[in-house]
PDB file of all heavy atoms in Angstrom:
ATOM      1  N   GLU A   1       8.788 -14.566  -6.946  1.00  0.00           N
ATOM      2  CA  GLU A   1       9.164 -15.116  -8.260  1.00  0.00           C
ATOM      3  C   GLU A   1       8.034 -15.951  -8.852  1.00  0.00           C
ATOM      4  O   GLU A   1       7.327 -16.674  -8.145  1.00  0.00           O
ATOM      5  CB  GLU A   1      10.438 -15.952  -8.126  1.00  0.00           C
ATOM      6  CG  GLU A   1      11.667 -15.113  -7.762  1.00  0.00           C
ATOM      7  CD  GLU A   1      12.905 -15.958  -7.556  1.00  0.00           C
ATOM      8  OE1 GLU A   1      12.778 -17.206  -7.552  1.00  0.00           O
ATOM      9  OE2 GLU A   1      13.996 -15.381  -7.382  1.00  0.00           O
ATOM     10  N   ASP A   2       7.873 -15.834 -10.174  1.00  0.00           N
ATOM     11  CA  ASP A   2       6.875 -16.572 -10.949  1.00  0.00           C
ATOM     12  C   ASP A   2       5.445 -16.234 -10.562  1.00  0.00           C
ATOM     13  O   ASP A   2       4.511 -17.036 -10.773  1.00  0.00           O
ATOM     14  CB  ASP A   2       7.103 -18.093 -10.841  1.00  0.00           C
ATOM     15  CG  ASP A   2       8.434 -18.510 -11.446  1.00  0.00           C
ATOM     16  OD1 ASP A   2       8.842 -17.902 -12.450  1.00  0.00           O
ATOM     17  OD2 ASP A   2       9.082 -19.431 -10.908  1.00  0.00           O
ATOM     18  N   THR A   3       5.263 -15.066  -9.991  1.00  0.00           N
ATOM     19  CA  THR A   3       3.927 -14.497  -9.798  1.00  0.00           C
ATOM     20  C   THR A   3       3.985 -13.066 -10.331  1.00  0.00           C
ATOM     21  O   THR A   3       5.043 -12.592 -10.754  1.00  0.00           O
ATOM     22  CB  THR A   3       3.517 -14.447  -8.312  1.00  0.00           C
ATOM     23  OG1 THR A   3       4.239 -13.399  -7.647  1.00  0.00           O
ATOM     24  CG2 THR A   3       3.774 -15.774  -7.612  1.00  0.00           C
ATOM     25  N   ASN A   4       2.855 -12.370 -10.274  1.00  0.00           N
ATOM     26  CA  ASN A   4       2.858 -10.958 -10.663  1.00  0.00           C
ATOM     27  C   ASN A   4       3.020 -10.029  -9.466  1.00  0.00           C
ATOM     28  O   ASN A   4       2.816  -8.819  -9.569  1.00  0.00           O
ATOM     29  CB  ASN A   4       1.560 -10.605 -11.404  1.00  0.00           C
ATOM     30  CG  ASN A   4       1.500 -11.274 -12.770  1.00  0.00           C
ATOM     31  OD1 ASN A   4       2.523 -11.622 -13.350  1.00  0.00           O
ATOM     32  ND2 ASN A   4       0.292 -11.469 -13.274  1.00  0.00           N
ATOM     33  N   VAL A   5       3.402 -10.597  -8.345  1.00  0.00           N
ATOM     34  CA  VAL A   5       3.635  -9.777  -7.151  1.00  0.00           C
ATOM     35  C   VAL A   5       5.014  -9.148  -7.264  1.00  0.00           C
ATOM     36  O   VAL A   5       6.042  -9.794  -7.024  1.00  0.00           O
ATOM     37  CB  VAL A   5       3.505 -10.622  -5.868  1.00  0.00           C
ATOM     38  CG1 VAL A   5       3.786  -9.748  -4.631  1.00  0.00           C
ATOM     39  CG2 VAL A   5       2.113 -11.236  -5.762  1.00  0.00           C
ATOM     40  N   ASP A   6       5.006  -7.895  -7.683  1.00  0.00           N
ATOM     41  CA  ASP A   6       6.241  -7.142  -7.946  1.00  0.00           C
ATOM     42  C   ASP A   6       5.870  -5.672  -7.781  1.00  0.00           C
ATOM     43  O   ASP A   6       5.725  -4.944  -8.769  1.00  0.00           O
ATOM     44  CB  ASP A   6       6.717  -7.461  -9.371  1.00  0.00           C
ATOM     45  CG  ASP A   6       8.090  -6.899  -9.674  1.00  0.00           C
ATOM     46  OD1 ASP A   6       8.524  -5.941  -8.983  1.00  0.00           O
ATOM     47  OD2 ASP A   6       8.744  -7.402 -10.609  1.00  0.00           O
ATOM     48  N   TYR A   7       5.714  -5.244  -6.525  1.00  0.00           N
ATOM     49  CA  TYR A   7       5.108  -3.937  -6.243  1.00  0.00           C
ATOM     50  C   TYR A   7       5.762  -3.220  -5.068  1.00  0.00           C
ATOM     51  O   TYR A   7       6.285  -3.858  -4.143  1.00  0.00           O
ATOM     52  CB  TYR A   7       3.618  -4.121  -5.876  1.00  0.00           C
ATOM     53  CG  TYR A   7       2.743  -4.645  -6.980  1.00  0.00           C
ATOM     54  CD1 TYR A   7       2.260  -5.937  -6.952  1.00  0.00           C
ATOM     55  CD2 TYR A   7       2.380  -3.825  -8.058  1.00  0.00           C
ATOM     56  CE1 TYR A   7       1.435  -6.433  -7.952  1.00  0.00           C
ATOM     57  CE2 TYR A   7       1.554  -4.304  -9.065  1.00  0.00           C
ATOM     58  CZ  TYR A   7       1.094  -5.596  -9.006  1.00  0.00           C
ATOM     59  OH  TYR A   7       0.277  -6.076 -10.007  1.00  0.00           O
ATOM     60  N   PRO A   8       5.646  -1.878  -5.084  1.00  0.00           N
ATOM     61  CA  PRO A   8       6.034  -1.126  -3.888  1.00  0.00           C
ATOM     62  C   PRO A   8       5.035  -1.365  -2.760  1.00  0.00           C
ATOM     63  O   PRO A   8       3.878  -1.705  -3.006  1.00  0.00           O
ATOM     64  CB  PRO A   8       6.003   0.333  -4.361  1.00  0.00           C
ATOM     65  CG  PRO A   8       5.094   0.345  -5.531  1.00  0.00           C
ATOM     66  CD  PRO A   8       5.224  -1.009  -6.184  1.00  0.00           C
ATOM     67  N   ILE A   9       5.508  -1.210  -1.534  1.00  0.00           N
ATOM     68  CA  ILE A   9       4.656  -1.304  -0.343  1.00  0.00           C
ATOM     69  C   ILE A   9       4.527   0.083   0.267  1.00  0.00           C
ATOM     70  O   ILE A   9       5.519   0.802   0.418  1.00  0.00           O
ATOM     71  CB  ILE A   9       5.244  -2.278   0.688  1.00  0.00           C
ATOM     72  CG1 ILE A   9       5.422  -3.668   0.081  1.00  0.00           C
ATOM     73  CG2 ILE A   9       4.369  -2.361   1.935  1.00  0.00           C
ATOM     74  CD1 ILE A   9       6.170  -4.637   0.962  1.00  0.00           C
ATOM     75  N   VAL A  10       3.304   0.453   0.618  1.00  0.00           N
ATOM     76  CA  VAL A  10       3.039   1.786   1.166  1.00  0.00           C
ATOM     77  C   VAL A  10       2.319   1.675   2.517  1.00  0.00           C
ATOM     78  O   VAL A  10       1.728   0.655   2.842  1.00  0.00           O
ATOM     79  CB  VAL A  10       2.191   2.641   0.202  1.00  0.00           C
ATOM     80  CG1 VAL A  10       3.009   3.109  -0.973  1.00  0.00           C
ATOM     81  CG2 VAL A  10       0.965   1.864  -0.270  1.00  0.00           C
ATOM     82  N   GLN A  11       2.367   2.795   3.251  1.00  0.00           N
ATOM     83  CA  GLN A  11       1.573   2.915   4.480  1.00  0.00           C
ATOM     84  C   GLN A  11       1.155   4.366   4.624  1.00  0.00           C
ATOM     85  O   GLN A  11       2.009   5.258   4.617  1.00  0.00           O
ATOM     86  CB  GLN A  11       2.346   2.467   5.708  1.00  0.00           C
ATOM     87  CG  GLN A  11       1.518   2.493   6.994  1.00  0.00           C
ATOM     88  CD  GLN A  11       2.292   2.019   8.213  1.00  0.00           C
ATOM     89  OE1 GLN A  11       2.529   2.786   9.144  1.00  0.00           O
ATOM     90  NE2 GLN A  11       2.702   0.757   8.219  1.00  0.00           N
ATOM     91  N   SER A  12      -0.146   4.595   4.735  1.00  0.00           N
ATOM     92  CA  SER A  12      -0.644   5.953   4.853  1.00  0.00           C
ATOM     93  C   SER A  12      -0.400   6.490   6.261  1.00  0.00           C
ATOM     94  O   SER A  12      -0.576   5.776   7.258  1.00  0.00           O
ATOM     95  CB  SER A  12      -2.143   6.001   4.540  1.00  0.00           C
ATOM     96  OG  SER A  12      -2.668   7.286   4.823  1.00  0.00           O
ATOM     97  N   ALA A  13      -0.038   7.756   6.325  1.00  0.00           N
ATOM     98  CA  ALA A  13       0.199   8.400   7.625  1.00  0.00           C
ATOM     99  C   ALA A  13      -1.093   8.872   8.267  1.00  0.00           C
ATOM    100  O   ALA A  13      -1.109   9.220   9.451  1.00  0.00           O
ATOM    101  CB  ALA A  13       1.158   9.578   7.444  1.00  0.00           C
ATOM    102  N   VAL A  14      -2.203   8.889   7.492  1.00  0.00           N
ATOM    103  CA  VAL A  14      -3.436   9.484   8.013  1.00  0.00           C
ATOM    104  C   VAL A  14      -4.658   8.565   7.950  1.00  0.00           C
ATOM    105  O   VAL A  14      -5.631   8.765   8.683  1.00  0.00           O
ATOM    106  CB  VAL A  14      -3.764  10.802   7.265  1.00  0.00           C
ATOM    107  CG1 VAL A  14      -2.683  11.835   7.523  1.00  0.00           C
ATOM    108  CG2 VAL A  14      -3.916  10.562   5.767  1.00  0.00           C
ATOM    109  N   ASP A  15      -4.645   7.548   7.064  1.00  0.00           N
ATOM    110  CA  ASP A  15      -5.845   6.732   6.867  1.00  0.00           C
ATOM    111  C   ASP A  15      -5.443   5.314   6.505  1.00  0.00           C
ATOM    112  O   ASP A  15      -4.917   5.052   5.412  1.00  0.00           O
ATOM    113  CB  ASP A  15      -6.706   7.348   5.759  1.00  0.00           C
ATOM    114  CG  ASP A  15      -7.970   6.558   5.473  1.00  0.00           C
ATOM    115  OD1 ASP A  15      -8.235   5.556   6.175  1.00  0.00           O
ATOM    116  OD2 ASP A  15      -8.691   6.922   4.524  1.00  0.00           O
ATOM    117  N   ASP A  16      -5.706   4.369   7.407  1.00  0.00           N
ATOM    118  CA  ASP A  16      -5.309   2.979   7.172  1.00  0.00           C
ATOM    119  C   ASP A  16      -5.955   2.368   5.930  1.00  0.00           C
ATOM    120  O   ASP A  16      -5.444   1.397   5.374  1.00  0.00           O
ATOM    121  CB  ASP A  16      -5.660   2.128   8.397  1.00  0.00           C
ATOM    122  CG  ASP A  16      -4.586   2.190   9.474  1.00  0.00           C
ATOM    123  OD1 ASP A  16      -3.450   2.614   9.180  1.00  0.00           O
ATOM    124  OD2 ASP A  16      -4.876   1.789  10.623  1.00  0.00           O
ATOM    125  N   GLU A  17      -7.103   2.897   5.507  1.00  0.00           N
ATOM    126  CA  GLU A  17      -7.814   2.335   4.354  1.00  0.00           C
ATOM    127  C   GLU A  17      -7.535   3.093   3.043  1.00  0.00           C
ATOM    128  O   GLU A  17      -8.095   2.744   2.008  1.00  0.00           O
ATOM    129  CB  GLU A  17      -9.325   2.330   4.623  1.00  0.00           C
ATOM    130  CG  GLU A  17      -9.735   1.585   5.892  1.00  0.00           C
ATOM    131  CD  GLU A  17      -9.342   0.105   5.852  1.00  0.00           C
ATOM    132  OE1 GLU A  17      -9.375  -0.478   4.751  1.00  0.00           O
ATOM    133  OE2 GLU A  17      -8.999  -0.436   6.920  1.00  0.00           O
ATOM    134  N   PHE A  18      -6.690   4.103   3.104  1.00  0.00           N
ATOM    135  CA  PHE A  18      -6.482   4.964   1.933  1.00  0.00           C
ATOM    136  C   PHE A  18      -6.041   4.170   0.712  1.00  0.00           C
ATOM    137  O   PHE A  18      -6.573   4.333  -0.392  1.00  0.00           O
ATOM    138  CB  PHE A  18      -5.444   6.040   2.258  1.00  0.00           C
ATOM    139  CG  PHE A  18      -5.154   6.970   1.118  1.00  0.00           C
ATOM    140  CD1 PHE A  18      -6.023   8.008   0.808  1.00  0.00           C
ATOM    141  CD2 PHE A  18      -4.020   6.808   0.329  1.00  0.00           C
ATOM    142  CE1 PHE A  18      -5.758   8.873  -0.257  1.00  0.00           C
ATOM    143  CE2 PHE A  18      -3.753   7.663  -0.738  1.00  0.00           C
ATOM    144  CZ  PHE A  18      -4.624   8.699  -1.022  1.00  0.00           C
ATOM    145  N   TYR A  19      -5.076   3.274   0.904  1.00  0.00           N
ATOM    146  CA  TYR A  19      -4.503   2.564  -0.246  1.00  0.00           C
ATOM    147  C   TYR A  19      -5.323   1.359  -0.669  1.00  0.00           C
ATOM    148  O   TYR A  19      -4.927   0.630  -1.571  1.00  0.00           O
ATOM    149  CB  TYR A  19      -3.053   2.167   0.058  1.00  0.00           C
ATOM    150  CG  TYR A  19      -2.130   3.366   0.018  1.00  0.00           C
ATOM    151  CD1 TYR A  19      -1.591   3.880   1.182  1.00  0.00           C
ATOM    152  CD2 TYR A  19      -1.827   3.999  -1.196  1.00  0.00           C
ATOM    153  CE1 TYR A  19      -0.759   4.993   1.153  1.00  0.00           C
ATOM    154  CE2 TYR A  19      -0.996   5.107  -1.232  1.00  0.00           C
ATOM    155  CZ  TYR A  19      -0.463   5.599  -0.071  1.00  0.00           C
ATOM    156  OH  TYR A  19       0.362   6.704  -0.108  1.00  0.00           O
ATOM    157  N   LEU A  20      -6.484   1.197  -0.049  1.00  0.00           N
ATOM    158  CA  LEU A  20      -7.407   0.167  -0.529  1.00  0.00           C
ATOM    159  C   LEU A  20      -7.863   0.503  -1.952  1.00  0.00           C
ATOM    160  O   LEU A  20      -8.086  -0.402  -2.770  1.00  0.00           O
ATOM    161  CB  LEU A  20      -8.605   0.104   0.413  1.00  0.00           C
ATOM    162  CG  LEU A  20      -9.518  -1.113   0.330  1.00  0.00           C
ATOM    163  CD1 LEU A  20      -8.767  -2.403   0.646  1.00  0.00           C
ATOM    164  CD2 LEU A  20     -10.702  -0.942   1.281  1.00  0.00           C
ATOM    165  N   HIS A  21      -7.968   1.811  -2.251  1.00  0.00           N
ATOM    166  CA  HIS A  21      -8.390   2.249  -3.590  1.00  0.00           C
ATOM    167  C   HIS A  21      -7.600   3.467  -4.071  1.00  0.00           C
ATOM    168  O   HIS A  21      -8.156   4.352  -4.700  1.00  0.00           O
ATOM    169  CB  HIS A  21      -9.895   2.561  -3.601  1.00  0.00           C
ATOM    170  CG  HIS A  21     -10.754   1.369  -3.346  1.00  0.00           C
ATOM    171  ND1 HIS A  21     -10.808   0.279  -4.200  1.00  0.00           N
ATOM    172  CD2 HIS A  21     -11.593   1.071  -2.316  1.00  0.00           C
ATOM    173  CE1 HIS A  21     -11.627  -0.623  -3.717  1.00  0.00           C
ATOM    174  NE2 HIS A  21     -12.126  -0.173  -2.576  1.00  0.00           N
ATOM    175  N   HIS A  22      -6.319   3.484  -3.761  1.00  0.00           N
ATOM    176  CA  HIS A  22      -5.448   4.545  -4.290  1.00  0.00           C
ATOM    177  C   HIS A  22      -4.112   3.956  -4.717  1.00  0.00           C
ATOM    178  O   HIS A  22      -3.623   2.971  -4.147  1.00  0.00           O
ATOM    179  CB  HIS A  22      -5.226   5.650  -3.256  1.00  0.00           C
ATOM    180  CG  HIS A  22      -6.419   6.527  -3.066  1.00  0.00           C
ATOM    181  ND1 HIS A  22      -7.466   6.190  -2.229  1.00  0.00           N
ATOM    182  CD2 HIS A  22      -6.750   7.739  -3.623  1.00  0.00           C
ATOM    183  CE1 HIS A  22      -8.387   7.143  -2.259  1.00  0.00           C
ATOM    184  NE2 HIS A  22      -7.984   8.084  -3.096  1.00  0.00           N
ATOM    185  N   SER A  23      -3.536   4.588  -5.716  1.00  0.00           N
ATOM    186  CA  SER A  23      -2.294   4.118  -6.304  1.00  0.00           C
ATOM    187  C   SER A  23      -1.096   4.367  -5.397  1.00  0.00           C
ATOM    188  O   SER A  23      -1.002   5.418  -4.754  1.00  0.00           O
ATOM    189  CB  SER A  23      -2.071   4.825  -7.645  1.00  0.00           C
ATOM    190  OG  SER A  23      -0.756   4.659  -8.095  1.00  0.00           O
ATOM    191  N   ALA A  24      -0.174   3.414  -5.379  1.00  0.00           N
ATOM    192  CA  ALA A  24       1.075   3.617  -4.642  1.00  0.00           C
ATOM    193  C   ALA A  24       1.986   4.610  -5.355  1.00  0.00           C
ATOM    194  O   ALA A  24       2.752   5.330  -4.720  1.00  0.00           O
ATOM    195  CB  ALA A  24       1.817   2.285  -4.474  1.00  0.00           C
ATOM    196  N   GLU A  25       1.877   4.665  -6.670  1.00  0.00           N
ATOM    197  CA  GLU A  25       2.796   5.492  -7.447  1.00  0.00           C
ATOM    198  C   GLU A  25       2.608   6.990  -7.203  1.00  0.00           C
ATOM    199  O   GLU A  25       3.574   7.734  -7.076  1.00  0.00           O
ATOM    200  CB  GLU A  25       2.676   5.185  -8.940  1.00  0.00           C
ATOM    201  CG  GLU A  25       3.354   3.902  -9.387  1.00  0.00           C
ATOM    202  CD  GLU A  25       2.657   2.638  -8.892  1.00  0.00           C
ATOM    203  OE1 GLU A  25       1.464   2.710  -8.535  1.00  0.00           O
ATOM    204  OE2 GLU A  25       3.324   1.588  -8.865  1.00  0.00           O
ATOM    205  N   ASP A  26       1.323   7.427  -7.132  1.00  0.00           N
ATOM    206  CA  ASP A  26       1.102   8.873  -7.016  1.00  0.00           C
ATOM    207  C   ASP A  26      -0.116   9.236  -6.152  1.00  0.00           C
ATOM    208  O   ASP A  26      -0.564  10.382  -6.158  1.00  0.00           O
ATOM    209  CB  ASP A  26       0.942   9.493  -8.416  1.00  0.00           C
ATOM    210  CG  ASP A  26      -0.208   8.876  -9.198  1.00  0.00           C
ATOM    211  OD1 ASP A  26      -0.969   8.058  -8.621  1.00  0.00           O
ATOM    212  OD2 ASP A  26      -0.345   9.183 -10.396  1.00  0.00           O
ATOM    213  N   LYS A  27      -0.677   8.267  -5.459  1.00  0.00           N
ATOM    214  CA  LYS A  27      -1.826   8.478  -4.559  1.00  0.00           C
ATOM    215  C   LYS A  27      -3.136   8.805  -5.286  1.00  0.00           C
ATOM    216  O   LYS A  27      -4.116   9.197  -4.654  1.00  0.00           O
ATOM    217  CB  LYS A  27      -1.536   9.578  -3.518  1.00  0.00           C
ATOM    218  CG  LYS A  27      -0.393   9.272  -2.585  1.00  0.00           C
ATOM    219  CD  LYS A  27      -0.274  10.376  -1.502  1.00  0.00           C
ATOM    220  CE  LYS A  27       0.859  10.099  -0.553  1.00  0.00           C
ATOM    221  NZ  LYS A  27       0.928  11.156   0.505  1.00  0.00           N
ATOM    222  N   SER A  28      -3.152   8.639  -6.594  1.00  0.00           N
ATOM    223  CA  SER A  28      -4.400   8.903  -7.326  1.00  0.00           C
ATOM    224  C   SER A  28      -5.379   7.763  -7.104  1.00  0.00           C
ATOM    225  O   SER A  28      -4.995   6.655  -6.726  1.00  0.00           O
ATOM    226  CB  SER A  28      -4.102   9.054  -8.824  1.00  0.00           C
ATOM    227  OG  SER A  28      -3.550   7.850  -9.342  1.00  0.00           O
ATOM    228  N   TYR A  29      -6.670   8.039  -7.345  1.00  0.00           N
ATOM    229  CA  TYR A  29      -7.670   6.990  -7.156  1.00  0.00           C
ATOM    230  C   TYR A  29      -7.407   5.838  -8.129  1.00  0.00           C
ATOM    231  O   TYR A  29      -7.142   6.039  -9.308  1.00  0.00           O
ATOM    232  CB  TYR A  29      -9.094   7.513  -7.398  1.00  0.00           C
ATOM    233  CG  TYR A  29     -10.125   6.416  -7.251  1.00  0.00           C
ATOM    234  CD1 TYR A  29     -10.574   6.026  -5.985  1.00  0.00           C
ATOM    235  CD2 TYR A  29     -10.605   5.737  -8.386  1.00  0.00           C
ATOM    236  CE1 TYR A  29     -11.496   4.994  -5.864  1.00  0.00           C
ATOM    237  CE2 TYR A  29     -11.511   4.698  -8.255  1.00  0.00           C
ATOM    238  CZ  TYR A  29     -11.950   4.325  -6.992  1.00  0.00           C
ATOM    239  OH  TYR A  29     -12.852   3.292  -6.857  1.00  0.00           O
ATOM    240  N   LEU A  30      -7.482   4.619  -7.591  1.00  0.00           N
ATOM    241  CA  LEU A  30      -7.269   3.429  -8.408  1.00  0.00           C
ATOM    242  C   LEU A  30      -8.057   2.304  -7.757  1.00  0.00           C
ATOM    243  O   LEU A  30      -7.831   1.965  -6.592  1.00  0.00           O
ATOM    244  CB  LEU A  30      -5.777   3.067  -8.465  1.00  0.00           C
ATOM    245  CG  LEU A  30      -5.373   1.908  -9.376  1.00  0.00           C
ATOM    246  CD1 LEU A  30      -5.618   2.255 -10.848  1.00  0.00           C
ATOM    247  CD2 LEU A  30      -3.906   1.550  -9.165  1.00  0.00           C
ATOM    248  N   ALA A  31      -9.000   1.728  -8.501  1.00  0.00           N
ATOM    249  CA  ALA A  31      -9.903   0.739  -7.916  1.00  0.00           C
ATOM    250  C   ALA A  31      -9.153  -0.435  -7.290  1.00  0.00           C
ATOM    251  O   ALA A  31      -9.537  -0.934  -6.222  1.00  0.00           O
ATOM    252  CB  ALA A  31     -10.877   0.241  -8.974  1.00  0.00           C
ATOM    253  N   ARG A  32      -8.077  -0.886  -7.943  1.00  0.00           N
ATOM    254  CA  ARG A  32      -7.364  -2.048  -7.412  1.00  0.00           C
ATOM    255  C   ARG A  32      -6.403  -1.698  -6.276  1.00  0.00           C
ATOM    256  O   ARG A  32      -5.792  -2.573  -5.671  1.00  0.00           O
ATOM    257  CB  ARG A  32      -6.609  -2.755  -8.534  1.00  0.00           C
ATOM    258  CG  ARG A  32      -5.486  -1.954  -9.173  1.00  0.00           C
ATOM    259  CD  ARG A  32      -4.726  -2.826 -10.163  1.00  0.00           C
ATOM    260  NE  ARG A  32      -3.616  -2.102 -10.781  1.00  0.00           N
ATOM    261  CZ  ARG A  32      -3.646  -1.545 -11.974  1.00  0.00           C
ATOM    262  NH1 ARG A  32      -4.771  -1.612 -12.700  1.00  0.00           N
ATOM    263  NH2 ARG A  32      -2.601  -0.926 -12.470  1.00  0.00           N
ATOM    264  N   GLY A  33      -6.274  -0.400  -6.012  1.00  0.00           N
ATOM    265  CA  GLY A  33      -5.482   0.046  -4.868  1.00  0.00           C
ATOM    266  C   GLY A  33      -4.005  -0.254  -4.974  1.00  0.00           C
ATOM    267  O   GLY A  33      -3.426  -0.227  -6.064  1.00  0.00           O
ATOM    268  N   ALA A  34      -3.392  -0.553  -3.830  1.00  0.00           N
ATOM    269  CA  ALA A  34      -1.944  -0.765  -3.753  1.00  0.00           C
ATOM    270  C   ALA A  34      -1.664  -1.899  -2.778  1.00  0.00           C
ATOM    271  O   ALA A  34      -2.566  -2.433  -2.124  1.00  0.00           O
ATOM    272  CB  ALA A  34      -1.257   0.511  -3.287  1.00  0.00           C
ATOM    273  N   ILE A  35      -0.422  -2.261  -2.677  1.00  0.00           N
ATOM    274  CA  ILE A  35       0.031  -3.221  -1.659  1.00  0.00           C
ATOM    275  C   ILE A  35       0.426  -2.368  -0.450  1.00  0.00           C
ATOM    276  O   ILE A  35       1.285  -1.498  -0.552  1.00  0.00           O
ATOM    277  CB  ILE A  35       1.229  -4.044  -2.164  1.00  0.00           C
ATOM    278  CG1 ILE A  35       0.875  -4.741  -3.477  1.00  0.00           C
ATOM    279  CG2 ILE A  35       1.663  -5.036  -1.105  1.00  0.00           C
ATOM    280  CD1 ILE A  35      -0.344  -5.623  -3.411  1.00  0.00           C
ATOM    281  N   TYR A  36      -0.201  -2.653   0.711  1.00  0.00           N
ATOM    282  CA  TYR A  36      -0.006  -1.720   1.826  1.00  0.00           C
ATOM    283  C   TYR A  36      -0.037  -2.409   3.186  1.00  0.00           C
ATOM    284  O   TYR A  36      -0.513  -3.538   3.333  1.00  0.00           O
ATOM    285  CB  TYR A  36      -1.095  -0.648   1.786  1.00  0.00           C
ATOM    286  CG  TYR A  36      -2.499  -1.123   2.082  1.00  0.00           C
ATOM    287  CD1 TYR A  36      -3.042  -1.023   3.367  1.00  0.00           C
ATOM    288  CD2 TYR A  36      -3.289  -1.698   1.079  1.00  0.00           C
ATOM    289  CE1 TYR A  36      -4.337  -1.475   3.624  1.00  0.00           C
ATOM    290  CE2 TYR A  36      -4.578  -2.140   1.334  1.00  0.00           C
ATOM    291  CZ  TYR A  36      -5.094  -2.033   2.615  1.00  0.00           C
ATOM    292  OH  TYR A  36      -6.375  -2.480   2.883  1.00  0.00           O
ATOM    293  N   THR A  37       0.487  -1.694   4.164  1.00  0.00           N
ATOM    294  CA  THR A  37       0.375  -2.093   5.574  1.00  0.00           C
ATOM    295  C   THR A  37      -0.389  -1.007   6.304  1.00  0.00           C
ATOM    296  O   THR A  37      -0.621   0.092   5.764  1.00  0.00           O
ATOM    297  CB  THR A  37       1.748  -2.284   6.226  1.00  0.00           C
ATOM    298  OG1 THR A  37       2.472  -1.035   6.176  1.00  0.00           O
ATOM    299  CG2 THR A  37       2.552  -3.362   5.529  1.00  0.00           C
ATOM    300  N   GLN A  38      -0.764  -1.300   7.547  1.00  0.00           N
ATOM    301  CA  GLN A  38      -1.488  -0.325   8.355  1.00  0.00           C
ATOM    302  C   GLN A  38      -0.634   0.162   9.514  1.00  0.00           C
ATOM    303  O   GLN A  38       0.414  -0.411   9.827  1.00  0.00           O
ATOM    304  CB  GLN A  38      -2.799  -0.937   8.849  1.00  0.00           C
ATOM    305  CG  GLN A  38      -3.748  -1.282   7.707  1.00  0.00           C
ATOM    306  CD  GLN A  38      -5.076  -1.846   8.180  1.00  0.00           C
ATOM    307  OE1 GLN A  38      -5.152  -2.517   9.212  1.00  0.00           O
ATOM    308  NE2 GLN A  38      -6.139  -1.565   7.432  1.00  0.00           N
ATOM    309  N   SER A  39      -1.103   1.214  10.157  1.00  0.00           N
ATOM    310  CA  SER A  39      -0.298   1.886  11.184  1.00  0.00           C
ATOM    311  C   SER A  39      -0.056   1.045  12.429  1.00  0.00           C
ATOM    312  O   SER A  39       0.813   1.371  13.247  1.00  0.00           O
ATOM    313  CB  SER A  39      -0.966   3.201  11.597  1.00  0.00           C
ATOM    314  OG  SER A  39      -2.277   2.970  12.072  1.00  0.00           O
ATOM    315  N   CYS A  40      -0.778  -0.072  12.581  1.00  0.00           N
ATOM    316  CA  CYS A  40      -0.521  -0.965  13.712  1.00  0.00           C
ATOM    317  C   CYS A  40       0.802  -1.699  13.558  1.00  0.00           C
ATOM    318  O   CYS A  40       1.293  -2.309  14.523  1.00  0.00           O
ATOM    319  CB  CYS A  40      -1.668  -1.956  13.893  1.00  0.00           C
ATOM    320  SG  CYS A  40      -2.161  -2.818  12.385  1.00  0.00           S
ATOM    321  N   ASN A  41       1.371  -1.662  12.375  1.00  0.00           N
ATOM    322  CA  ASN A  41       2.686  -2.250  12.134  1.00  0.00           C
ATOM    323  C   ASN A  41       3.752  -1.172  11.951  1.00  0.00           C
ATOM    324  O   ASN A  41       3.495  -0.142  11.320  1.00  0.00           O
ATOM    325  CB  ASN A  41       2.687  -3.127  10.884  1.00  0.00           C
ATOM    326  CG  ASN A  41       2.205  -4.531  11.150  1.00  0.00           C
ATOM    327  OD1 ASN A  41       1.328  -5.045  10.467  1.00  0.00           O
ATOM    328  ND2 ASN A  41       2.786  -5.201  12.147  1.00  0.00           N
ATOM    329  N   HIS A  42       4.945  -1.421  12.519  1.00  0.00           N
ATOM    330  CA  HIS A  42       6.086  -0.582  12.192  1.00  0.00           C
ATOM    331  C   HIS A  42       6.458  -0.798  10.717  1.00  0.00           C
ATOM    332  O   HIS A  42       6.100  -1.817  10.117  1.00  0.00           O
ATOM    333  CB  HIS A  42       7.293  -0.928  13.070  1.00  0.00           C
ATOM    334  CG  HIS A  42       7.105  -0.586  14.522  1.00  0.00           C
ATOM    335  ND1 HIS A  42       6.680  -1.509  15.456  1.00  0.00           N
ATOM    336  CD2 HIS A  42       7.285   0.570  15.189  1.00  0.00           C
ATOM    337  CE1 HIS A  42       6.604  -0.937  16.634  1.00  0.00           C
ATOM    338  NE2 HIS A  42       6.960   0.335  16.508  1.00  0.00           N
ATOM    339  N   LYS A  43       7.196   0.123  10.175  1.00  0.00           N
ATOM    340  CA  LYS A  43       7.563   0.021   8.759  1.00  0.00           C
ATOM    341  C   LYS A  43       8.952  -0.589   8.571  1.00  0.00           C
ATOM    342  O   LYS A  43       9.558  -0.449   7.505  1.00  0.00           O
ATOM    343  CB  LYS A  43       7.503   1.408   8.104  1.00  0.00           C
ATOM    344  CG  LYS A  43       6.089   1.957   8.038  1.00  0.00           C
ATOM    345  CD  LYS A  43       5.991   3.194   7.175  1.00  0.00           C
ATOM    346  CE  LYS A  43       6.643   4.386   7.819  1.00  0.00           C
ATOM    347  NZ  LYS A  43       6.438   5.626   7.035  1.00  0.00           N
ATOM    348  N   ASN A  44       9.456  -1.275   9.605  1.00  0.00           N
ATOM    349  CA  ASN A  44      10.781  -1.880   9.493  1.00  0.00           C
ATOM    350  C   ASN A  44      10.743  -3.408   9.544  1.00  0.00           C
ATOM    351  O   ASN A  44      11.784  -4.051   9.568  1.00  0.00           O
ATOM    352  CB  ASN A  44      11.704  -1.361  10.606  1.00  0.00           C
ATOM    353  CG  ASN A  44      11.113  -1.551  11.986  1.00  0.00           C
ATOM    354  OD1 ASN A  44      10.149  -2.301  12.158  1.00  0.00           O
ATOM    355  ND2 ASN A  44      11.665  -0.881  12.975  1.00  0.00           N
ATOM    356  N   PHE A  45       9.528  -3.988   9.584  1.00  0.00           N
ATOM    357  CA  PHE A  45       9.343  -5.438   9.558  1.00  0.00           C
ATOM    358  C   PHE A  45       9.960  -6.123  10.781  1.00  0.00           C
ATOM    359  O   PHE A  45      10.348  -7.288  10.714  1.00  0.00           O
ATOM    360  CB  PHE A  45       9.892  -6.034   8.251  1.00  0.00           C
ATOM    361  CG  PHE A  45       9.273  -5.443   7.033  1.00  0.00           C
ATOM    362  CD1 PHE A  45       9.887  -4.397   6.329  1.00  0.00           C
ATOM    363  CD2 PHE A  45       8.022  -5.867   6.599  1.00  0.00           C
ATOM    364  CE1 PHE A  45       9.290  -3.812   5.227  1.00  0.00           C
ATOM    365  CE2 PHE A  45       7.420  -5.294   5.481  1.00  0.00           C
ATOM    366  CZ  PHE A  45       8.047  -4.267   4.800  1.00  0.00           C
ATOM    367  N   ALA A  46      10.031  -5.390  11.887  1.00  0.00           N
ATOM    368  CA  ALA A  46      10.592  -5.950  13.115  1.00  0.00           C
ATOM    369  C   ALA A  46       9.532  -6.445  14.082  1.00  0.00           C
ATOM    370  O   ALA A  46       9.856  -6.933  15.160  1.00  0.00           O
ATOM    371  CB  ALA A  46      11.472  -4.883  13.803  1.00  0.00           C
TER     372      ALA A  46
END
């Protein structure tokens, strides 16, 4: 709240650095990238 952090979270199945410069919406190239986690983390926040 009261920030601009309002985004989907993604995790690439093949490249931990993919979303550093790709869009979460459609995987297209995007310099600012996406909000993402890496494969060392489960995707259930446990």
